Amino acid sequence: MKLIFAAWMLIISGVLGLLLTLIVVYAITMPHKVVVMMSVMAIIPLVTGFFVLKRKTWALWMGLIYFAIQVAWVKSESFSWNFEFASPISMFISSTVAGVEVGVNFVAIAMFIVFIQLLWRKNEP
């Protein structure tokens, strides 16, 4: 059941990401490289979710990585680690201290834990 849930979270994230990309493209003129990057970041979870449903180990690792990079984000004037555009399914809490904004994505944390559990069970004898 967790496997199906995890796969559909990836698929839904990918579909919503593609829709968000289309909306942004029509609403705002953006460089082609940004549109391509946003599209790739939406296609990755879509394809990964499909292969998670097929119980492929590499897809579980990709799902783990996909959500791991979204767990935390940092923004300042000179540095940014932010994958907000990568996941339209998210719930953030953040705080700003001395001009640096630090945030945590609770959905990404939950999904990261789910993928660790799925990989752990897959490797059990």
Protein backbone atom coordinates (compact mmCIF):
# COMPACT_ATOMS: atom_id res chain seq x y z
CA MET A 1 0.00 0.00 0.00
CA LYS A 2 2.86 2.42 0.82
CA LEU A 3 4.43 1.59 -2.53
CA ILE A 4 1.28 2.57 -4.42
CA PHE A 5 0.92 5.75 -2.34
CA ALA A 6 4.56 6.70 -2.95
CA ALA A 7 4.26 6.05 -6.68
CA TRP A 8 1.10 8.13 -7.00
CA MET A 9 2.63 11.00 -5.01
CA LEU A 10 5.43 11.08 -7.59
CA ILE A 11 3.03 10.82 -10.53
CA ILE A 12 0.74 13.54 -9.18
CA SER A 13 3.75 15.74 -8.45
CA GLY A 14 4.93 15.27 -12.04
CA VAL A 15 1.53 16.01 -13.59
CA LEU A 16 1.04 19.10 -11.42
CA GLY A 17 4.59 20.19 -12.25
CA LEU A 18 3.89 19.96 -15.98
CA LEU A 19 0.64 21.90 -15.57
CA LEU A 20 2.43 24.53 -13.50
CA THR A 21 5.12 24.77 -16.17
CA LEU A 22 2.49 25.30 -18.89
CA ILE A 23 0.74 27.98 -16.82
CA VAL A 24 4.02 29.79 -16.15
CA VAL A 25 5.03 29.61 -19.82
CA TYR A 26 1.76 31.17 -20.96
CA ALA A 27 1.67 33.79 -18.20
CA ILE A 28 5.31 34.89 -18.17
CA THR A 29 7.92 35.08 -20.90
CA MET A 30 10.78 32.90 -19.70
CA PRO A 31 14.09 31.82 -21.21
CA HIS A 32 13.90 28.46 -22.99
CA LYS A 33 16.51 26.96 -20.67
CA VAL A 34 14.30 27.63 -17.64
CA VAL A 35 11.27 26.08 -19.35
CA VAL A 36 13.30 23.00 -20.28
CA MET A 37 14.64 22.69 -16.73
CA MET A 38 11.15 23.01 -15.23
CA SER A 39 9.81 20.42 -17.68
CA VAL A 40 12.59 17.95 -16.88
CA MET A 41 12.00 18.44 -13.14
CA ALA A 42 8.33 17.58 -13.74
CA ILE A 43 8.99 14.59 -16.01
CA ILE A 44 11.45 12.96 -13.58
CA PRO A 45 8.86 12.20 -10.86
CA LEU A 46 6.29 11.20 -13.47
CA VAL A 47 8.56 8.55 -14.99
CA THR A 48 9.93 7.55 -11.58
CA GLY A 49 6.42 7.03 -10.19
CA PHE A 50 5.51 4.79 -13.13
CA PHE A 51 8.55 2.58 -12.49
CA VAL A 52 7.93 2.55 -8.72
CA LEU A 53 4.57 0.95 -9.57
CA LYS A 54 6.57 -1.66 -11.50
CA ARG A 55 8.66 -2.23 -8.34
CA LYS A 56 12.02 -1.17 -9.82
CA THR A 57 14.69 -0.58 -7.17
CA TRP A 58 16.36 2.23 -9.11
CA ALA A 59 13.02 4.08 -9.16
CA LEU A 60 12.77 3.85 -5.36
CA TRP A 61 16.24 5.41 -5.13
CA MET A 62 15.22 8.16 -7.57
CA GLY A 63 12.10 8.86 -5.50
CA LEU A 64 14.23 9.06 -2.36
CA ILE A 65 16.63 11.51 -4.06
CA TYR A 66 13.74 13.54 -5.55
CA PHE A 67 12.26 14.18 -2.11
CA ALA A 68 15.61 14.45 -0.30
CA ILE A 69 16.65 17.51 -2.30
CA GLN A 70 13.39 19.21 -1.30
CA VAL A 71 13.59 18.67 2.47
CA ALA A 72 15.39 21.93 3.30
CA TRP A 73 15.92 25.22 1.56
CA VAL A 74 17.99 28.31 2.22
CA LYS A 75 17.71 31.76 0.66
CA SER A 76 19.93 34.78 1.14
CA GLU A 77 21.22 37.61 -1.00
CA SER A 78 24.24 35.62 -2.13
CA PHE A 79 23.09 31.98 -1.95
CA SER A 80 19.99 29.95 -2.70
CA TRP A 81 19.23 26.24 -2.27
CA ASN A 82 15.64 26.05 -3.32
CA PHE A 83 13.63 23.43 -5.19
CA GLU A 84 10.17 24.94 -4.65
CA PHE A 85 9.40 24.69 -8.37
CA ALA A 86 10.27 20.99 -8.37
CA SER A 87 7.43 19.93 -6.13
CA PRO A 88 3.97 21.40 -6.42
CA ILE A 89 2.96 19.13 -3.51
CA SER A 90 4.59 20.71 -0.49
CA MET A 91 4.04 22.24 2.92
CA PHE A 92 6.78 24.60 4.10
CA ILE A 93 7.59 26.34 7.32
CA SER A 94 10.38 28.87 7.33
CA SER A 95 12.10 31.48 9.44
CA THR A 96 14.33 34.42 8.62
CA VAL A 97 17.35 35.16 10.77
CA ALA A 98 19.85 37.90 9.91
CA GLY A 99 18.60 38.12 6.33
CA VAL A 100 18.83 34.36 5.71
CA GLU A 101 15.59 32.46 5.19
CA VAL A 102 15.66 28.77 6.15
CA GLY A 103 12.75 26.45 5.50
CA VAL A 104 11.65 22.83 5.81
CA ASN A 105 9.22 20.94 3.56
CA PHE A 106 7.17 18.57 5.72
CA VAL A 107 5.70 16.65 2.76
CA ALA A 108 9.23 15.99 1.46
CA ILE A 109 10.31 14.76 4.92
CA ALA A 110 7.33 12.38 5.12
CA MET A 111 7.92 11.04 1.61
CA PHE A 112 11.67 10.70 2.27
CA ILE A 113 10.83 8.49 5.28
CA VAL A 114 8.35 6.44 3.19
CA PHE A 115 11.01 5.79 0.52
CA ILE A 116 13.58 4.80 3.16
CA GLN A 117 11.05 2.30 4.55
CA LEU A 118 10.31 0.92 1.08
CA LEU A 119 14.00 0.49 0.31
CA TRP A 120 14.62 -1.09 3.73
CA ARG A 121 11.85 -3.64 3.17
CA LYS A 122 13.06 -4.38 -0.36
CA ASN A 123 16.51 -5.31 1.00
CA GLU A 124 15.22 -7.54 3.81
CA PRO A 125 15.84 -11.26 3.33
